[in-house]
Amino acid sequence: MMNSFLNFINQDIEAKKTLLSSMPINNKTNKRKYNEKIDSIKETYLDYKESVSKYIEAKANSFEIDEPKKDLKLEEKVNKLYYVVSMLNPINTFLEKLEIDSLLFDMKNYANFSFEELNKIIDNFVSKFDLVGIKLTRDDFDYTYYVNEYMTTFLKTRNDKDNDYTELRETFEKIYWFNPEIMEHIELNFRKLLKKHTKTFEDYISKLQKSLLLDNDLNDYDEAKKKYKKLYNQLLKEQEESLYDIVELSKNGTLEIKNYFPDSKYRTSTYETLLIEPPKEEDYDKIYESLEKLKINVLEYRNYTDFISLFDSFKEEYPLNNNTYNGTELKSLETSISEKESQLEKLNNKIFEKDSNKLFDFIKKTAKTPVKELKIESVKLAKEICELYRKLDIERLKSIITPMISGSMLIGDVLKIYSGFNYYRRNTIQKALKLETYDEVISEDNKFMEFAKNPNNVVINGIYLYEESDVPKVITNKYRFENINLLEEELTDNLDILLEKINFTLRVNKIEKSKLSVEKIWFMTQVKSLISKED
């Protein structure tokens, strides 16, 4: 039909040219008639144009395919199941399971936050106690006189629920110049409360674990991991680039569809550089299957190289020849903290007693140790305790991790350890990647956790932590056996180019196995472009 119309148009154009060339234009009347004829022809051809536009648009629309239906709640289901897996993880404590260690990291980096953000972190801390049925009051915040003063105002503001920080800000301003480390001391108070209520938190986690197993029809941690992997892979399948996506990328100009024509030089050269030998027709399915796996392996390898400094840091911190832990240092730190907190408590008792009873005003003037000096002494002691807690964090991790160290430890094992300890992971990311701001740390931490949450990682489960491994060579050799012309330098210097070639060939395969063709997608793209120009 369109060919007949084109033939008609071509013949009609020639006829109109002949007609116009034979019309005289030697006077005004003839010129007027000539121009009137041109206008008539133009109007006719504008009608033709409108008809053609409607036809090609309708033709292009007839090739359109529906966007694949997706389970919009699937990602939410995956995240919920990952939460279940995290709650059942046997190597970490309630501090990690309830992400209290994340709050401790935030408190440690308090200088990165605004006043409102910082108080939101404190509010989240209090909420963790609410969660397990512990209602904190001003009497619970007695680490120092200044902590009590600040948290008394904080709890009052929190209970008012009007988000008016005026009084709290005034309290902070008053305290800060006497005690610049006030936020560190509030953190210490929370640490003391966590220690005091450990049994309550552990009981809560125990009940929660049983509830999660029952609600998700699971028997144990291993079964939860298997179910998570199955659901995660369903999500991956849904997130795969579809034929609909390819068409849209072509139509919006992101993808150059001309490169996908069988006689395209780009397509020919891509296949030639990607394959060692031209495969037989019946071998192409196997080639595409190998390329799908290669793409997954390359993406995983890129994640590994992005965070290799974290694995090197772990190796330095936990050398192979030091895999015994007797707990002496941990016990010593715990004892020191208890002793100093006891000293601090005695100091605070004196301060609170003298400050609250006006009858002791004369004592304040005549006492051997005035209240002001007692407060200064308490702040100094709190600072010493803070340093001990920082060391305790390190030793506590050593007590958990050191027994796991062995010559057979894999990069995948370290990935699991990092993913289970938020404070430790973020601290290491900050140091190993030499990041300066909190936001940078959180951004990289999110990327790392996307890597860690993938249950399909296989490359890292073949790399021994304490042995030198030539991973590019291992991957290259594996796929060369499958007729894929993979070079080591592509994995070290040209990962993006390699991924581009892989994605290209996989798109070709998806198009060729569909009800569409490259020609049809090209036609749809051209029509979209023409319509856009008309608009």
Protein backbone atom coordinates (compact mmCIF):
# COMPACT_ATOMS: atom_id res chain seq x y z
CA MET A 1 0.00 0.00 0.00
CA MET A 2 2.69 2.50 0.99
CA ASN A 3 4.81 1.56 -2.06
CA SER A 4 1.86 2.24 -4.37
CA PHE A 5 1.30 5.58 -2.69
CA LEU A 6 4.98 6.49 -3.06
CA ASN A 7 4.87 5.58 -6.75
CA PHE A 8 1.80 7.72 -7.15
CA ILE A 9 3.48 10.66 -5.37
CA ASN A 10 6.63 10.39 -7.50
CA GLN A 11 4.59 10.29 -10.70
CA ASP A 12 2.38 13.14 -9.48
CA ILE A 13 5.39 15.29 -8.62
CA GLU A 14 6.78 14.82 -12.11
CA ALA A 15 3.40 15.66 -13.59
CA LYS A 16 3.10 18.79 -11.45
CA LYS A 17 6.61 19.86 -12.46
CA THR A 18 5.69 19.50 -16.10
CA LEU A 19 2.47 21.42 -15.60
CA LEU A 20 4.17 24.28 -13.75
CA SER A 21 6.97 24.48 -16.33
CA SER A 22 4.41 24.85 -19.13
CA MET A 23 2.46 27.66 -17.47
CA PRO A 24 3.26 31.16 -18.73
CA ILE A 25 4.36 33.81 -16.23
CA ASN A 26 4.90 36.70 -18.67
CA ASN A 27 2.27 39.01 -17.14
CA LYS A 28 0.49 39.69 -13.88
CA THR A 29 -2.53 37.54 -14.71
CA ASN A 30 -0.40 34.54 -15.62
CA LYS A 31 1.75 35.01 -12.53
CA ARG A 32 -1.39 35.13 -10.37
CA LYS A 33 -2.66 31.91 -11.93
CA TYR A 34 0.77 30.33 -11.50
CA ASN A 35 0.89 31.23 -7.81
CA GLU A 36 -2.69 30.06 -7.28
CA LYS A 37 -1.73 26.70 -8.80
CA ILE A 38 1.29 26.43 -6.51
CA ASP A 39 -0.93 27.17 -3.49
CA SER A 40 -3.43 24.52 -4.64
CA ILE A 41 -0.66 21.95 -5.08
CA LYS A 42 0.81 22.89 -1.70
CA GLU A 43 -2.58 22.44 0.01
CA THR A 44 -3.00 19.05 -1.65
CA TYR A 45 0.44 17.94 -0.53
CA LEU A 46 -0.16 19.17 3.01
CA ASP A 47 -3.21 16.90 3.03
CA TYR A 48 -1.02 14.08 1.72
CA LYS A 49 1.52 14.83 4.44
CA GLU A 50 -1.12 14.69 7.17
CA SER A 51 -2.41 11.39 5.80
CA VAL A 52 1.10 9.95 5.59
CA SER A 53 1.88 11.13 9.13
CA LYS A 54 -1.24 9.43 10.44
CA TYR A 55 -0.44 6.28 8.51
CA ILE A 56 3.19 5.93 9.65
CA GLU A 57 2.23 6.83 13.21
CA ALA A 58 -0.47 4.15 13.17
CA LYS A 59 1.99 1.71 11.62
CA ALA A 60 4.59 2.49 14.28
CA ASN A 61 1.96 2.12 17.01
CA SER A 62 1.05 -1.30 15.65
CA PHE A 63 4.61 -2.44 16.54
CA GLU A 64 4.42 -1.14 20.10
CA ILE A 65 4.76 -3.65 22.91
CA ASP A 66 3.45 -3.43 26.44
CA GLU A 67 5.72 -2.66 29.33
CA PRO A 68 6.25 -5.89 31.31
CA LYS A 69 4.09 -6.09 34.41
CA LYS A 70 6.11 -6.06 37.60
CA ASP A 71 5.43 -6.97 41.19
CA LEU A 72 5.78 -3.50 42.68
CA LYS A 73 6.10 -4.98 46.16
CA LEU A 74 8.82 -7.48 45.26
CA GLU A 75 11.69 -5.20 46.27
CA GLU A 76 9.97 -4.52 49.57
CA LYS A 77 9.59 -8.28 50.11
CA VAL A 78 13.28 -8.82 49.39
CA ASN A 79 14.27 -6.09 51.86
CA LYS A 80 11.99 -7.56 54.53
CA LEU A 81 13.51 -11.00 54.05
CA TYR A 82 17.02 -9.55 54.23
CA TYR A 83 15.96 -8.03 57.54
CA VAL A 84 14.93 -11.50 58.71
CA VAL A 85 18.30 -12.93 57.64
CA SER A 86 20.08 -10.11 59.49
CA MET A 87 18.06 -10.75 62.64
CA LEU A 88 18.99 -14.44 62.53
CA ASN A 89 22.69 -13.88 61.79
CA PRO A 90 24.50 -15.81 64.54
CA ILE A 91 27.73 -13.80 64.63
CA ASN A 92 26.43 -10.41 65.75
CA THR A 93 24.70 -9.13 68.87
CA PHE A 94 21.60 -7.06 69.58
CA LEU A 95 23.74 -3.95 69.03
CA GLU A 96 24.09 -4.81 65.34
CA LYS A 97 20.70 -6.45 64.88
CA LEU A 98 18.87 -3.34 66.10
CA GLU A 99 21.37 -1.07 64.29
CA ILE A 100 22.34 0.52 67.58
CA ASP A 101 25.95 0.35 66.40
CA SER A 102 24.94 2.62 63.48
CA LEU A 103 23.69 5.17 66.01
CA LEU A 104 26.96 4.84 67.93
CA PHE A 105 28.85 5.59 64.71
CA ASP A 106 26.64 8.63 64.15
CA MET A 107 27.25 9.83 67.70
CA LYS A 108 30.97 9.42 67.20
CA ASN A 109 30.67 11.65 64.12
CA TYR A 110 28.36 14.17 65.79
CA ALA A 111 30.27 17.14 64.36
CA ASN A 112 28.92 16.27 60.87
CA PHE A 113 25.32 16.92 61.84
CA SER A 114 23.10 19.92 62.35
CA PHE A 115 21.63 20.49 65.80
CA GLU A 116 18.25 19.10 64.71
CA GLU A 117 19.82 16.04 63.04
CA LEU A 118 21.88 15.30 66.11
CA ASN A 119 18.84 15.37 68.35
CA LYS A 120 17.06 13.06 65.93
CA ILE A 121 19.91 10.57 66.47
CA ILE A 122 19.47 10.90 70.24
CA ASP A 123 15.72 10.45 69.76
CA ASN A 124 16.38 7.27 67.77
CA PHE A 125 18.56 6.04 70.61
CA VAL A 126 15.77 6.59 73.13
CA SER A 127 13.36 4.85 70.73
CA LYS A 128 15.50 1.70 70.80
CA PHE A 129 14.84 1.49 74.53
CA ASP A 130 11.14 2.20 73.96
CA LEU A 131 11.13 -0.70 71.49
CA VAL A 132 12.13 -3.23 74.14
CA GLY A 133 9.83 -1.78 76.81
CA ILE A 134 12.30 0.43 78.71
CA LYS A 135 11.00 3.93 79.41
CA LEU A 136 13.99 6.20 80.02
CA THR A 137 13.66 9.18 82.37
CA ARG A 138 15.93 12.03 83.38
CA ASP A 139 17.22 9.88 86.27
CA ASP A 140 18.72 7.43 83.75
CA PHE A 141 20.99 10.16 82.39
CA ASP A 142 23.39 10.72 85.22
CA TYR A 143 26.73 10.12 83.50
CA THR A 144 27.76 13.68 84.24
CA TYR A 145 25.97 16.69 85.62
CA TYR A 146 25.92 18.22 82.13
CA VAL A 147 24.46 15.07 80.53
CA ASN A 148 21.65 15.12 83.06
CA GLU A 149 20.98 18.80 82.43
CA TYR A 150 20.87 18.38 78.66
CA MET A 151 18.83 15.16 78.61
CA THR A 152 16.32 16.54 81.12
CA THR A 153 15.53 19.32 78.65
CA PHE A 154 15.69 16.89 75.72
CA LEU A 155 13.14 14.48 77.23
CA LYS A 156 10.86 17.38 78.10
CA THR A 157 11.08 18.63 74.49
CA ARG A 158 10.53 15.10 73.18
CA ASN A 159 7.43 14.62 75.30
CA ASP A 160 5.99 17.97 74.20
CA LYS A 161 6.13 16.73 70.59
CA ASP A 162 5.99 20.25 69.16
CA ASN A 163 9.48 20.12 67.62
CA ASP A 164 10.38 23.37 69.33
CA TYR A 165 14.12 23.15 70.03
CA THR A 166 14.41 26.68 71.46
CA GLU A 167 14.84 25.67 75.11
CA LEU A 168 17.04 22.71 74.17
CA ARG A 169 19.28 24.92 72.06
CA GLU A 170 19.62 27.37 74.93
CA THR A 171 20.58 24.51 77.25
CA PHE A 172 23.16 23.29 74.74
CA GLU A 173 24.66 26.77 74.37
CA LYS A 174 24.97 27.07 78.14
CA ILE A 175 26.57 23.64 78.55
CA TYR A 176 28.86 23.56 75.52
CA TRP A 177 31.45 26.09 76.73
CA PHE A 178 31.92 24.15 79.97
CA ASN A 179 31.72 20.73 78.31
CA PRO A 180 32.45 20.69 74.52
CA GLU A 181 32.40 16.87 74.58
CA ILE A 182 28.81 16.76 75.83
CA MET A 183 27.67 14.58 72.88
CA GLU A 184 30.42 12.04 73.55
CA HIS A 185 29.28 11.87 77.16
CA ILE A 186 25.65 11.37 76.13
CA GLU A 187 26.92 8.49 73.98
CA LEU A 188 28.71 7.07 77.05
CA ASN A 189 25.49 7.30 79.02
CA PHE A 190 23.69 5.29 76.35
CA ARG A 191 26.52 2.73 76.36
CA LYS A 192 26.15 2.38 80.12
CA LEU A 193 22.39 1.92 79.79
CA LEU A 194 22.86 -0.66 77.03
CA LYS A 195 25.21 -2.58 79.29
CA LYS A 196 22.76 -2.34 82.20
CA HIS A 197 19.81 -3.57 80.11
CA THR A 198 21.64 -6.16 77.98
CA LYS A 199 19.42 -8.99 79.21
CA THR A 200 16.25 -7.13 78.21
CA PHE A 201 17.59 -6.44 74.72
CA GLU A 202 18.75 -10.04 74.26
CA ASP A 203 15.37 -11.37 75.39
CA TYR A 204 13.68 -9.05 72.91
CA ILE A 205 15.86 -10.33 70.06
CA SER A 206 15.24 -13.93 71.06
CA LYS A 207 11.46 -13.43 70.98
CA LEU A 208 11.71 -11.47 67.72
CA GLN A 209 13.71 -14.26 66.06
CA LYS A 210 11.10 -16.86 66.99
CA SER A 211 8.33 -14.60 65.72
CA LEU A 212 10.12 -13.93 62.41
CA LEU A 213 10.72 -17.65 61.82
CA LEU A 214 7.07 -18.40 62.45
CA ASP A 215 5.69 -15.51 60.41
CA ASN A 216 7.89 -16.37 57.41
CA ASP A 217 7.39 -20.12 57.64
CA LEU A 218 11.09 -20.75 58.28
CA ASN A 219 12.92 -23.29 60.41
CA ASP A 220 16.33 -21.68 60.78
CA TYR A 221 18.93 -19.20 59.52
CA ASP A 222 20.08 -21.38 56.59
CA GLU A 223 16.54 -21.76 55.31
CA ALA A 224 16.05 -18.01 55.55
CA LYS A 225 19.17 -17.44 53.40
CA LYS A 226 17.91 -19.89 50.75
CA LYS A 227 14.50 -18.22 50.62
CA TYR A 228 16.17 -14.80 50.40
CA LYS A 229 18.33 -15.92 47.48
CA LYS A 230 15.31 -17.26 45.60
CA LEU A 231 13.36 -14.03 46.10
CA TYR A 232 16.41 -11.88 45.30
CA ASN A 233 16.82 -13.69 41.97
CA GLN A 234 13.17 -13.10 41.16
CA LEU A 235 13.79 -9.41 41.68
CA LEU A 236 16.88 -9.53 39.45
CA LYS A 237 14.79 -11.17 36.74
CA GLU A 238 12.22 -8.40 36.95
CA GLN A 239 14.91 -5.72 36.87
CA GLU A 240 16.55 -7.14 33.74
CA GLU A 241 16.51 -4.89 30.70
CA SER A 242 13.46 -5.91 28.66
CA LEU A 243 12.68 -5.51 24.98
CA TYR A 244 10.38 -2.64 25.99
CA ASP A 245 13.35 -0.92 27.64
CA ILE A 246 15.47 -1.36 24.50
CA VAL A 247 12.75 0.22 22.34
CA GLU A 248 12.42 3.16 24.73
CA LEU A 249 16.20 3.68 24.83
CA SER A 250 16.23 3.76 21.04
CA LYS A 251 13.29 6.14 20.82
CA ASN A 252 14.79 8.63 23.29
CA GLY A 253 18.19 8.56 21.55
CA THR A 254 20.15 6.84 24.33
CA LEU A 255 20.73 3.79 22.13
CA GLU A 256 21.83 4.05 18.48
CA ILE A 257 19.64 1.42 16.85
CA LYS A 258 21.54 1.63 13.52
CA ASN A 259 24.41 -0.22 15.20
CA TYR A 260 22.14 -3.24 15.68
CA PHE A 261 21.50 -3.90 11.98
CA PRO A 262 23.11 -7.19 10.82
CA ASP A 263 25.33 -5.37 8.30
CA SER A 264 26.43 -2.70 10.79
CA LYS A 265 30.21 -2.29 11.05
CA TYR A 266 29.87 -1.71 14.79
CA ARG A 267 27.96 -4.96 15.25
CA THR A 268 30.41 -6.91 13.09
CA SER A 269 33.49 -5.55 14.87
CA THR A 270 31.94 -6.11 18.33
CA TYR A 271 31.27 -9.76 17.58
CA GLU A 272 34.71 -10.20 16.05
CA THR A 273 36.51 -8.74 19.08
CA LEU A 274 34.30 -10.56 21.60
CA LEU A 275 34.50 -14.05 20.09
CA ILE A 276 37.64 -16.09 19.45
CA GLU A 277 36.12 -17.95 16.50
CA PRO A 278 32.86 -17.39 14.59
CA PRO A 279 30.46 -19.88 16.19
CA LYS A 280 28.11 -22.18 14.35
CA GLU A 281 24.50 -21.08 14.28
CA GLU A 282 23.51 -23.75 16.78
CA ASP A 283 26.19 -22.57 19.25
CA TYR A 284 24.93 -19.01 19.63
CA ASP A 285 22.53 -19.81 22.47
CA LYS A 286 25.41 -21.20 24.49
CA ILE A 287 27.51 -18.12 23.69
CA TYR A 288 24.77 -15.77 24.91
CA GLU A 289 24.33 -17.84 28.06
CA SER A 290 28.07 -17.53 28.75
CA LEU A 291 27.93 -13.78 28.15
CA GLU A 292 25.07 -13.45 30.68
CA LYS A 293 27.24 -15.18 33.29
CA LEU A 294 30.29 -13.13 32.31
CA LYS A 295 28.33 -9.92 32.80
CA ILE A 296 27.38 -10.98 36.35
CA ASN A 297 30.99 -11.96 37.10
CA VAL A 298 32.36 -8.69 35.72
CA LEU A 299 29.95 -6.60 37.78
CA GLU A 300 30.90 -8.57 40.89
CA TYR A 301 34.60 -8.20 40.12
CA ARG A 302 34.16 -4.44 39.72
CA ASN A 303 32.53 -4.30 43.17
CA TYR A 304 35.44 -6.29 44.57
CA THR A 305 38.05 -3.94 43.07
CA ASP A 306 36.10 -0.87 44.27
CA PHE A 307 36.42 -2.12 47.86
CA ILE A 308 39.68 -4.04 47.73
CA SER A 309 41.22 -1.60 50.22
CA LEU A 310 38.68 -2.78 52.81
CA PHE A 311 39.79 -6.38 52.41
CA ASP A 312 43.44 -5.33 52.59
CA SER A 313 42.64 -3.39 55.77
CA PHE A 314 41.01 -6.47 57.30
CA LYS A 315 44.03 -8.58 56.40
CA GLU A 316 46.37 -6.10 58.11
CA GLU A 317 44.15 -5.86 61.18
CA TYR A 318 43.77 -9.62 61.48
CA PRO A 319 47.01 -11.29 60.31
CA LEU A 320 46.94 -15.02 59.66
CA ASN A 321 49.59 -15.85 62.26
CA ASN A 322 47.47 -14.35 65.04
CA ASN A 323 44.27 -16.36 65.23
CA THR A 324 44.02 -16.94 68.98
CA TYR A 325 42.23 -14.70 71.42
CA ASN A 326 42.35 -15.23 75.17
CA GLY A 327 40.12 -12.30 76.13
CA THR A 328 42.57 -10.84 78.64
CA GLU A 329 42.60 -7.36 77.11
CA LEU A 330 38.83 -7.35 76.75
CA LYS A 331 38.32 -8.25 80.41
CA SER A 332 40.93 -5.70 81.47
CA LEU A 333 39.13 -2.93 79.55
CA GLU A 334 35.75 -3.93 80.94
CA THR A 335 37.21 -3.85 84.45
CA SER A 336 38.84 -0.45 83.89
CA ILE A 337 35.60 1.00 82.53
CA SER A 338 33.60 -0.36 85.48
CA GLU A 339 36.11 1.06 87.97
CA LYS A 340 36.21 4.48 86.35
CA GLU A 341 32.43 4.60 85.92
CA SER A 342 32.17 3.79 89.65
CA GLN A 343 34.53 6.71 90.41
CA LEU A 344 32.48 8.92 88.13
CA GLU A 345 29.26 7.88 89.86
CA LYS A 346 30.69 8.88 93.26
CA LEU A 347 31.75 12.24 91.87
CA ASN A 348 28.31 12.78 90.38
CA ASN A 349 26.62 11.90 93.65
CA LYS A 350 28.53 14.71 95.33
CA ILE A 351 27.73 17.14 92.51
CA PHE A 352 24.02 16.31 92.35
CA GLU A 353 23.68 16.36 96.13
CA LYS A 354 25.31 19.76 96.50
CA ASP A 355 23.62 21.28 93.49
CA SER A 356 20.11 20.20 94.47
CA ASN A 357 20.12 21.16 98.14
CA LYS A 358 20.23 24.89 98.79
CA LEU A 359 21.01 24.19 102.44
CA PHE A 360 24.48 23.26 101.29
CA ASP A 361 25.24 26.66 99.84
CA PHE A 362 27.61 27.38 102.69
CA ILE A 363 29.34 24.05 102.05
CA LYS A 364 29.94 25.05 98.43
CA LYS A 365 31.90 28.01 99.68
CA THR A 366 33.89 26.18 102.33
CA ALA A 367 34.18 22.59 100.97
CA LYS A 368 37.66 21.27 100.20
CA THR A 369 36.52 20.46 96.64
CA PRO A 370 34.04 23.03 95.25
CA VAL A 371 31.27 21.85 92.92
CA LYS A 372 32.87 23.60 89.95
CA GLU A 373 36.06 21.57 90.36
CA LEU A 374 34.08 18.37 90.84
CA LYS A 375 32.33 19.02 87.51
CA ILE A 376 35.65 19.62 85.78
CA GLU A 377 37.02 16.41 87.29
CA SER A 378 33.94 14.46 86.12
CA VAL A 379 34.36 15.73 82.55
CA LYS A 380 38.02 14.68 82.52
CA LEU A 381 37.13 11.25 83.85
CA ALA A 382 34.38 10.85 81.23
CA LYS A 383 36.92 11.64 78.52
CA GLU A 384 39.19 8.85 79.80
CA ILE A 385 36.25 6.44 79.79
CA CYS A 386 35.40 7.45 76.21
CA GLU A 387 38.88 6.41 75.06
CA LEU A 388 38.48 3.10 76.88
CA TYR A 389 35.18 2.43 75.11
CA ARG A 390 36.81 3.07 71.73
CA LYS A 391 39.41 0.43 72.61
CA LEU A 392 36.67 -1.85 73.94
CA ASP A 393 34.87 -1.71 70.57
CA ILE A 394 38.02 -2.96 68.87
CA GLU A 395 38.60 -5.72 71.42
CA ARG A 396 35.00 -6.86 71.34
CA LEU A 397 35.27 -7.33 67.59
CA LYS A 398 38.57 -9.15 67.99
CA SER A 399 36.92 -11.60 70.37
CA ILE A 400 34.32 -12.39 67.67
CA ILE A 401 36.46 -12.28 64.53
CA THR A 402 39.83 -13.72 65.63
CA PRO A 403 38.53 -17.29 66.11
CA MET A 404 37.26 -17.19 62.49
CA ILE A 405 40.71 -16.44 61.03
CA SER A 406 42.26 -19.27 59.02
CA GLY A 407 44.24 -19.86 55.86
CA SER A 408 41.05 -20.95 54.10
CA MET A 409 39.26 -17.68 54.80
CA LEU A 410 37.67 -16.25 51.65
CA ILE A 411 36.97 -12.69 50.58
CA GLY A 412 33.31 -13.71 50.74
CA ASP A 413 33.70 -14.51 54.44
CA VAL A 414 35.09 -11.04 55.11
CA LEU A 415 32.22 -9.51 53.13
CA LYS A 416 29.76 -11.27 55.46
CA ILE A 417 31.62 -10.04 58.55
CA TYR A 418 31.64 -6.45 57.34
CA SER A 419 27.96 -6.59 56.39
CA GLY A 420 27.04 -7.69 59.92
CA PHE A 421 28.84 -4.92 61.82
CA ASN A 422 27.73 -1.45 60.80
CA TYR A 423 30.01 0.55 63.11
CA TYR A 424 33.09 -1.44 62.16
CA ARG A 425 32.29 -1.39 58.44
CA ARG A 426 31.68 2.36 58.26
CA ASN A 427 34.73 3.08 60.35
CA THR A 428 36.85 0.96 58.01
CA ILE A 429 35.32 2.56 54.90
CA GLN A 430 36.16 5.98 56.30
CA LYS A 431 39.78 5.04 56.94
CA ALA A 432 40.50 2.70 54.02
CA LEU A 433 38.95 4.97 51.37
CA LYS A 434 40.33 8.10 53.08
CA LEU A 435 36.94 9.83 53.15
CA GLU A 436 36.52 13.16 54.89
CA THR A 437 32.79 13.70 55.22
CA TYR A 438 30.05 11.63 56.82
CA ASP A 439 27.93 11.79 53.64
CA GLU A 440 30.77 10.29 51.60
CA VAL A 441 31.05 7.43 54.08
CA ILE A 442 27.32 6.69 53.96
CA SER A 443 27.30 6.86 50.15
CA GLU A 444 30.12 4.31 49.87
CA ASP A 445 28.56 2.24 52.64
CA ASN A 446 25.32 1.98 50.65
CA LYS A 447 27.26 0.79 47.59
CA PHE A 448 29.12 -1.75 49.70
CA MET A 449 25.89 -3.11 51.15
CA GLU A 450 24.38 -3.54 47.69
CA PHE A 451 27.43 -5.68 46.95
CA ALA A 452 27.10 -7.58 50.23
CA LYS A 453 23.36 -8.23 49.88
CA ASN A 454 23.86 -10.11 46.60
CA PRO A 455 23.61 -13.84 47.43
CA ASN A 456 24.89 -14.77 43.96
CA ASN A 457 28.47 -13.58 44.45
CA VAL A 458 30.76 -16.37 43.24
CA VAL A 459 34.05 -14.72 42.28
CA ILE A 460 34.79 -13.56 45.83
CA ASN A 461 34.03 -17.05 47.12
CA GLY A 462 36.98 -18.32 45.12
CA ILE A 463 39.50 -15.76 46.37
CA TYR A 464 41.46 -16.67 49.50
CA LEU A 465 42.09 -13.65 51.71
CA TYR A 466 45.63 -14.58 52.75
CA GLU A 467 46.86 -15.78 49.35
CA GLU A 468 47.81 -13.81 46.27
CA SER A 469 45.21 -14.38 43.55
CA ASP A 470 45.32 -13.30 39.92
CA VAL A 471 41.57 -12.91 39.60
CA PRO A 472 41.58 -11.36 36.08
CA LYS A 473 43.58 -14.34 34.83
CA VAL A 474 41.17 -16.82 36.45
CA ILE A 475 38.12 -15.13 34.91
CA THR A 476 39.83 -14.75 31.52
CA ASN A 477 40.86 -18.39 31.29
CA LYS A 478 37.42 -19.60 32.32
CA TYR A 479 35.65 -17.75 29.51
CA ARG A 480 38.25 -18.35 26.84
CA PHE A 481 37.31 -22.00 27.18
CA GLU A 482 33.84 -20.88 26.10
CA ASN A 483 35.02 -19.11 22.93
CA ILE A 484 34.90 -15.63 24.46
CA ASN A 485 37.90 -13.51 23.57
CA LEU A 486 38.42 -12.03 27.02
CA LEU A 487 41.70 -10.27 27.78
CA GLU A 488 43.12 -9.61 31.26
CA GLU A 489 43.65 -5.92 30.54
CA GLU A 490 39.93 -5.56 29.82
CA LEU A 491 39.26 -6.52 33.43
CA THR A 492 41.90 -4.22 34.85
CA ASP A 493 41.66 -1.12 32.64
CA ASN A 494 38.60 -1.33 30.40
CA LEU A 495 35.74 -2.77 32.42
CA ASP A 496 33.18 -0.26 31.16
CA ILE A 497 34.10 -0.94 27.52
CA LEU A 498 33.87 -4.68 28.11
CA LEU A 499 30.44 -4.32 29.74
CA GLU A 500 29.30 -2.15 26.85
CA LYS A 501 30.24 -4.89 24.36
CA ILE A 502 28.55 -7.59 26.44
CA ASN A 503 25.37 -5.54 26.83
CA PHE A 504 25.32 -4.84 23.10
CA THR A 505 25.46 -8.53 22.12
CA LEU A 506 22.84 -9.48 24.72
CA ARG A 507 20.53 -6.81 23.32
CA VAL A 508 21.01 -8.17 19.82
CA ASN A 509 20.00 -11.60 21.07
CA LYS A 510 16.95 -10.22 22.89
CA ILE A 511 15.80 -8.37 19.77
CA GLU A 512 16.32 -11.32 17.45
CA LYS A 513 14.37 -13.64 19.70
CA SER A 514 11.44 -11.22 19.95
CA LYS A 515 8.44 -10.51 17.75
CA LEU A 516 10.10 -7.25 16.76
CA SER A 517 13.08 -6.72 14.49
CA VAL A 518 15.83 -4.13 14.33
CA GLU A 519 14.08 -2.64 11.29
CA LYS A 520 10.81 -2.21 13.16
CA ILE A 521 12.53 -0.60 16.15
CA TRP A 522 14.40 1.72 13.76
CA PHE A 523 11.08 2.64 12.09
CA MET A 524 9.44 3.37 15.46
CA THR A 525 12.41 5.52 16.42
CA GLN A 526 12.28 7.51 13.18
CA VAL A 527 8.54 8.11 13.55
CA LYS A 528 9.00 9.25 17.16
CA SER A 529 11.70 11.68 15.97
CA LEU A 530 9.49 13.06 13.18
CA ILE A 531 6.53 13.54 15.51
CA SER A 532 8.75 15.30 18.05
CA LYS A 533 9.99 17.70 15.37
CA GLU A 534 6.41 18.38 14.26
CA ASP A 535 5.44 19.20 17.84
